[in-house]
N, C-alpha and C. Protein backbone atom coordinates (compact mmCIF):
# COMPACT_ATOMS: atom_id res chain seq x y z
N MET A 1 0.82 -1.18 -0.01
CA MET A 1 0.01 0.00 0.02
C MET A 1 0.87 1.26 -0.01
N GLU A 2 0.54 2.13 -0.90
CA GLU A 2 1.30 3.32 -1.08
C GLU A 2 0.73 4.49 -0.26
N ILE A 3 1.58 5.28 0.38
CA ILE A 3 1.13 6.45 1.13
C ILE A 3 1.38 7.68 0.29
N ARG A 4 0.31 8.34 -0.03
CA ARG A 4 0.39 9.56 -0.81
C ARG A 4 0.50 10.78 0.11
N PRO A 5 1.32 11.78 -0.28
CA PRO A 5 1.35 12.98 0.54
C PRO A 5 0.02 13.71 0.46
N LYS A 6 -0.40 14.28 1.55
CA LYS A 6 -1.67 15.00 1.56
C LYS A 6 -1.51 16.30 0.80
N LYS A 7 -2.53 16.61 0.02
CA LYS A 7 -2.52 17.88 -0.72
C LYS A 7 -2.95 18.98 0.26
N LYS A 8 -2.23 20.04 0.18
CA LYS A 8 -2.41 21.11 1.18
C LYS A 8 -3.55 22.04 0.73
N GLY A 9 -4.18 22.09 -0.18
CA GLY A 9 -5.32 22.93 -0.57
C GLY A 9 -5.12 24.43 -0.31
N GLY A 10 -5.85 25.20 -1.01
CA GLY A 10 -5.79 26.66 -0.82
C GLY A 10 -4.80 27.32 -1.71
N ARG A 11 -4.72 28.60 -1.58
CA ARG A 11 -3.85 29.43 -2.42
C ARG A 11 -2.43 29.24 -1.98
N PRO A 12 -1.51 29.18 -2.93
CA PRO A 12 -0.09 29.09 -2.54
C PRO A 12 0.40 30.36 -1.92
N PRO A 13 1.35 30.29 -0.99
CA PRO A 13 1.83 31.52 -0.31
C PRO A 13 2.53 32.45 -1.29
N LYS A 14 2.38 33.75 -1.05
CA LYS A 14 3.04 34.75 -1.90
C LYS A 14 4.51 34.81 -1.58
N LYS A 15 5.31 35.18 -2.59
CA LYS A 15 6.73 35.27 -2.39
C LYS A 15 7.10 36.43 -1.45
N ILE A 16 6.39 37.56 -1.66
CA ILE A 16 6.65 38.75 -0.84
C ILE A 16 5.41 39.04 -0.06
N LYS A 17 5.52 39.00 1.29
CA LYS A 17 4.36 39.28 2.12
C LYS A 17 4.37 40.72 2.54
N ARG A 18 3.23 41.32 2.54
CA ARG A 18 3.10 42.71 3.02
C ARG A 18 2.76 42.62 4.49
N GLN A 19 3.74 43.00 5.34
CA GLN A 19 3.53 42.84 6.75
C GLN A 19 3.30 44.20 7.47
N SER A 20 3.62 45.27 6.82
CA SER A 20 3.49 46.56 7.47
C SER A 20 2.15 47.21 7.08
N MET A 21 1.46 47.78 8.06
CA MET A 21 0.16 48.39 7.83
C MET A 21 0.22 49.86 8.17
N VAL A 22 -0.40 50.69 7.33
CA VAL A 22 -0.42 52.13 7.56
C VAL A 22 -1.87 52.58 7.66
N ARG A 23 -2.15 53.41 8.67
CA ARG A 23 -3.50 53.98 8.81
C ARG A 23 -3.40 55.42 8.37
N LEU A 24 -4.43 55.89 7.72
CA LEU A 24 -4.40 57.23 7.14
C LEU A 24 -5.76 57.90 7.40
N ARG A 25 -5.70 59.13 7.85
CA ARG A 25 -6.94 59.89 8.09
C ARG A 25 -7.10 60.88 6.96
N LEU A 26 -8.30 60.87 6.36
CA LEU A 26 -8.61 61.75 5.24
C LEU A 26 -9.90 62.49 5.51
N THR A 27 -10.04 63.67 4.94
CA THR A 27 -11.32 64.32 4.96
C THR A 27 -12.23 63.66 3.95
N ILE A 28 -13.49 63.99 3.99
CA ILE A 28 -14.40 63.40 3.03
C ILE A 28 -14.02 63.75 1.59
N THR A 29 -13.60 65.00 1.40
CA THR A 29 -13.17 65.42 0.06
C THR A 29 -11.93 64.67 -0.41
N GLU A 30 -10.96 64.52 0.48
CA GLU A 30 -9.75 63.78 0.12
C GLU A 30 -10.06 62.32 -0.22
N ARG A 31 -10.97 61.74 0.56
CA ARG A 31 -11.34 60.35 0.30
C ARG A 31 -12.03 60.23 -1.04
N PHE A 32 -12.93 61.18 -1.37
CA PHE A 32 -13.61 61.18 -2.64
C PHE A 32 -12.63 61.30 -3.80
N LEU A 33 -11.64 62.22 -3.66
CA LEU A 33 -10.65 62.40 -4.73
C LEU A 33 -9.82 61.13 -4.88
N LEU A 34 -9.45 60.52 -3.78
CA LEU A 34 -8.66 59.29 -3.85
C LEU A 34 -9.46 58.19 -4.55
N GLU A 35 -10.70 58.05 -4.22
CA GLU A 35 -11.56 57.02 -4.90
C GLU A 35 -11.68 57.31 -6.39
N GLN A 36 -11.89 58.58 -6.74
CA GLN A 36 -12.03 58.94 -8.17
C GLN A 36 -10.78 58.64 -8.97
N LYS A 37 -9.62 59.02 -8.38
CA LYS A 37 -8.37 58.79 -9.06
C LYS A 37 -8.09 57.29 -9.20
N SER A 38 -8.38 56.51 -8.17
CA SER A 38 -8.12 55.07 -8.26
C SER A 38 -9.08 54.41 -9.29
N LYS A 39 -10.31 54.90 -9.36
CA LYS A 39 -11.23 54.35 -10.36
C LYS A 39 -10.76 54.67 -11.77
N ARG A 40 -10.33 55.92 -11.97
CA ARG A 40 -9.84 56.30 -13.32
C ARG A 40 -8.63 55.48 -13.74
N ALA A 41 -7.79 55.12 -12.73
CA ALA A 41 -6.61 54.29 -13.02
C ALA A 41 -6.97 52.80 -13.15
N GLY A 42 -8.20 52.47 -12.78
CA GLY A 42 -8.60 51.05 -12.87
C GLY A 42 -7.96 50.21 -11.78
N MET A 43 -7.73 50.79 -10.64
CA MET A 43 -7.08 50.08 -9.52
C MET A 43 -7.92 50.23 -8.28
N GLY A 44 -7.67 49.37 -7.32
CA GLY A 44 -8.26 49.56 -6.00
C GLY A 44 -7.48 50.66 -5.25
N ILE A 45 -8.08 51.13 -4.18
CA ILE A 45 -7.43 52.22 -3.43
C ILE A 45 -6.05 51.80 -2.95
N SER A 46 -5.91 50.63 -2.36
CA SER A 46 -4.60 50.19 -1.83
C SER A 46 -3.58 50.09 -2.96
N ASP A 47 -3.98 49.48 -4.06
CA ASP A 47 -3.01 49.37 -5.18
C ASP A 47 -2.63 50.74 -5.74
N PHE A 48 -3.60 51.64 -5.79
CA PHE A 48 -3.32 53.00 -6.29
C PHE A 48 -2.34 53.69 -5.39
N ILE A 49 -2.53 53.58 -4.05
CA ILE A 49 -1.61 54.25 -3.09
C ILE A 49 -0.20 53.59 -3.21
N ARG A 50 -0.16 52.26 -3.31
CA ARG A 50 1.16 51.61 -3.44
C ARG A 50 1.86 52.08 -4.72
N HIS A 51 1.14 52.15 -5.81
CA HIS A 51 1.73 52.59 -7.08
C HIS A 51 2.17 54.06 -6.97
N SER A 52 1.35 54.90 -6.30
CA SER A 52 1.70 56.29 -6.15
C SER A 52 2.97 56.46 -5.29
N VAL A 53 3.11 55.66 -4.26
CA VAL A 53 4.29 55.75 -3.40
C VAL A 53 5.56 55.40 -4.21
N ILE A 54 5.44 54.43 -5.06
CA ILE A 54 6.60 53.97 -5.83
C ILE A 54 6.94 54.93 -6.94
N SER A 55 5.95 55.41 -7.69
CA SER A 55 6.26 56.13 -8.93
C SER A 55 6.00 57.61 -8.92
N SER A 56 5.29 58.16 -7.91
CA SER A 56 4.97 59.57 -7.91
C SER A 56 6.17 60.39 -7.48
N LYS A 57 6.18 61.62 -7.96
CA LYS A 57 7.25 62.54 -7.60
C LYS A 57 6.62 63.73 -6.87
N VAL A 58 7.06 64.00 -5.67
CA VAL A 58 6.52 65.10 -4.91
C VAL A 58 7.56 66.19 -4.78
N MET A 59 7.15 67.41 -5.08
CA MET A 59 8.09 68.53 -5.03
C MET A 59 8.35 68.87 -3.57
N SER A 60 9.63 69.00 -3.23
CA SER A 60 9.97 69.30 -1.85
C SER A 60 9.73 70.79 -1.60
N ARG A 61 9.56 71.12 -0.33
CA ARG A 61 9.32 72.53 0.02
C ARG A 61 10.63 73.25 -0.13
N PHE A 62 10.56 74.58 -0.10
CA PHE A 62 11.75 75.39 -0.30
C PHE A 62 12.70 75.17 0.84
N GLY A 63 14.01 75.14 0.51
CA GLY A 63 15.06 75.02 1.53
C GLY A 63 15.53 76.43 1.94
N GLU A 64 16.52 76.46 2.80
CA GLU A 64 17.05 77.73 3.32
C GLU A 64 17.60 78.60 2.16
N VAL A 65 18.26 78.00 1.22
CA VAL A 65 18.84 78.75 0.10
C VAL A 65 17.76 79.42 -0.72
N GLU A 66 16.69 78.66 -1.05
CA GLU A 66 15.65 79.26 -1.84
C GLU A 66 14.86 80.36 -1.08
N ILE A 67 14.70 80.16 0.22
CA ILE A 67 13.98 81.15 1.00
C ILE A 67 14.81 82.44 1.09
N SER A 68 16.12 82.35 1.31
CA SER A 68 16.94 83.57 1.35
C SER A 68 16.98 84.23 0.00
N ALA A 69 17.06 83.46 -1.09
CA ALA A 69 17.04 84.06 -2.40
C ALA A 69 15.72 84.77 -2.67
N HIS A 70 14.65 84.20 -2.22
CA HIS A 70 13.34 84.81 -2.40
C HIS A 70 13.26 86.16 -1.64
N ARG A 71 13.80 86.19 -0.41
CA ARG A 71 13.84 87.42 0.36
C ARG A 71 14.61 88.52 -0.35
N VAL A 72 15.78 88.16 -0.88
CA VAL A 72 16.59 89.12 -1.61
C VAL A 72 15.84 89.63 -2.82
N LEU A 73 15.19 88.76 -3.53
CA LEU A 73 14.43 89.16 -4.71
C LEU A 73 13.25 90.07 -4.35
N ALA A 74 12.58 89.78 -3.23
CA ALA A 74 11.48 90.61 -2.77
C ALA A 74 11.98 91.99 -2.40
N GLY A 75 13.13 92.06 -1.74
CA GLY A 75 13.71 93.34 -1.37
C GLY A 75 14.05 94.17 -2.62
N MET A 76 14.62 93.50 -3.61
CA MET A 76 14.95 94.18 -4.88
C MET A 76 13.65 94.70 -5.55
N ALA A 77 12.60 93.94 -5.50
CA ALA A 77 11.34 94.35 -6.11
C ALA A 77 10.79 95.57 -5.38
N ASN A 78 10.90 95.59 -4.03
CA ASN A 78 10.46 96.74 -3.29
C ASN A 78 11.26 98.01 -3.64
N ASN A 79 12.57 97.83 -3.78
CA ASN A 79 13.42 98.96 -4.16
C ASN A 79 13.02 99.48 -5.54
N LEU A 80 12.74 98.59 -6.46
CA LEU A 80 12.34 98.98 -7.80
C LEU A 80 11.03 99.75 -7.76
N ASN A 81 10.10 99.30 -6.95
CA ASN A 81 8.81 100.01 -6.83
C ASN A 81 9.02 101.42 -6.29
N GLN A 82 9.88 101.56 -5.27
CA GLN A 82 10.15 102.88 -4.69
C GLN A 82 10.81 103.80 -5.70
N LEU A 83 11.79 103.27 -6.46
CA LEU A 83 12.45 104.07 -7.45
C LEU A 83 11.47 104.48 -8.55
N THR A 84 10.61 103.59 -8.96
CA THR A 84 9.63 103.92 -10.01
C THR A 84 8.69 104.99 -9.51
N LYS A 85 8.27 104.93 -8.28
CA LYS A 85 7.40 105.97 -7.72
C LYS A 85 8.08 107.33 -7.72
N LYS A 86 9.38 107.34 -7.29
CA LYS A 86 10.11 108.62 -7.29
C LYS A 86 10.31 109.15 -8.69
N ALA A 87 10.56 108.26 -9.62
CA ALA A 87 10.74 108.68 -11.02
C ALA A 87 9.46 109.31 -11.55
N HIS A 88 8.33 108.78 -11.19
CA HIS A 88 7.07 109.32 -11.64
C HIS A 88 6.82 110.68 -10.96
N GLN A 89 7.19 110.78 -9.72
CA GLN A 89 6.95 112.02 -8.97
C GLN A 89 7.90 113.13 -9.42
N LEU A 90 9.19 112.79 -9.57
CA LEU A 90 10.18 113.81 -9.87
C LEU A 90 10.48 113.91 -11.36
N GLY A 91 10.24 112.91 -12.11
CA GLY A 91 10.47 112.94 -13.55
C GLY A 91 11.99 113.06 -13.85
N LEU A 92 12.80 112.41 -13.16
CA LEU A 92 14.24 112.51 -13.37
C LEU A 92 14.75 111.42 -14.29
N LEU A 93 15.69 111.74 -15.14
CA LEU A 93 16.31 110.74 -15.96
C LEU A 93 17.27 109.84 -15.17
N ILE A 94 17.76 110.40 -14.05
CA ILE A 94 18.67 109.63 -13.19
C ILE A 94 17.90 108.40 -12.64
N MET A 95 16.66 108.62 -12.28
CA MET A 95 15.85 107.54 -11.74
C MET A 95 15.68 106.45 -12.75
N ALA A 96 15.53 106.82 -14.01
CA ALA A 96 15.37 105.81 -15.08
C ALA A 96 16.62 104.94 -15.15
N LYS A 97 17.80 105.55 -15.00
CA LYS A 97 19.05 104.79 -15.01
C LYS A 97 19.12 103.84 -13.84
N ARG A 98 18.76 104.35 -12.65
CA ARG A 98 18.81 103.50 -11.46
C ARG A 98 17.82 102.29 -11.60
N CYS A 99 16.67 102.60 -12.14
CA CYS A 99 15.68 101.52 -12.33
C CYS A 99 16.21 100.48 -13.31
N GLN A 100 16.82 100.95 -14.38
CA GLN A 100 17.38 100.02 -15.38
C GLN A 100 18.47 99.13 -14.75
N ASP A 101 19.32 99.74 -13.92
CA ASP A 101 20.34 98.96 -13.23
C ASP A 101 19.75 97.91 -12.31
N LEU A 102 18.72 98.33 -11.58
CA LEU A 102 18.05 97.39 -10.66
C LEU A 102 17.33 96.29 -11.38
N ILE A 103 16.74 96.58 -12.54
CA ILE A 103 16.07 95.54 -13.34
C ILE A 103 17.07 94.51 -13.79
N SER A 104 18.22 94.98 -14.26
CA SER A 104 19.25 93.99 -14.71
C SER A 104 19.76 93.17 -13.55
N GLU A 105 19.89 93.76 -12.37
CA GLU A 105 20.32 93.01 -11.19
C GLU A 105 19.27 91.97 -10.78
N ILE A 106 18.00 92.33 -10.89
CA ILE A 106 16.92 91.38 -10.54
C ILE A 106 16.92 90.22 -11.56
N GLU A 107 17.09 90.55 -12.83
CA GLU A 107 17.13 89.48 -13.85
C GLU A 107 18.28 88.52 -13.61
N ASP A 108 19.45 89.06 -13.24
CA ASP A 108 20.59 88.19 -12.93
C ASP A 108 20.27 87.28 -11.74
N HIS A 109 19.66 87.86 -10.71
CA HIS A 109 19.33 87.07 -9.55
C HIS A 109 18.31 86.00 -9.87
N MET A 110 17.37 86.29 -10.71
CA MET A 110 16.34 85.28 -11.11
C MET A 110 16.99 84.15 -11.90
N LYS A 111 17.99 84.48 -12.73
CA LYS A 111 18.68 83.44 -13.48
C LYS A 111 19.41 82.50 -12.52
N THR A 112 20.03 83.04 -11.48
CA THR A 112 20.72 82.18 -10.52
C THR A 112 19.74 81.32 -9.74
N MET A 113 18.57 81.88 -9.44
CA MET A 113 17.52 81.10 -8.73
C MET A 113 17.06 79.95 -9.59
N ASN A 114 16.90 80.16 -10.90
CA ASN A 114 16.48 79.09 -11.79
C ASN A 114 17.51 78.00 -11.91
N ASP A 115 18.78 78.37 -11.73
CA ASP A 115 19.86 77.36 -11.80
C ASP A 115 19.91 76.48 -10.56
N LEU A 116 19.26 76.91 -9.44
CA LEU A 116 19.30 76.14 -8.21
C LEU A 116 18.54 74.88 -8.39
């Protein structure tokens, strides 16, 4: 008499098990948007979130360098506005030259910000 091994029935185990669980709190609007996006993608919510985590690109917030560059640019813009106001009030050609110099300085600063 031959002894056959018992068949184990059921689904075979997955190679990679998902063991970590994340809980997420959403507003009703955020939940609705998530459901709509996952439906458009033809995925379930969990699959959509997994895919988004792997392939999405999120823009980081501004760092210290960008914030300081923005402050410098805002100060230059304020100076330009003050010079323009004086030029309109006094009608001086000297003010036009100062404004032109400041405009070129602002443009240079903006080019360096774009290179960051």
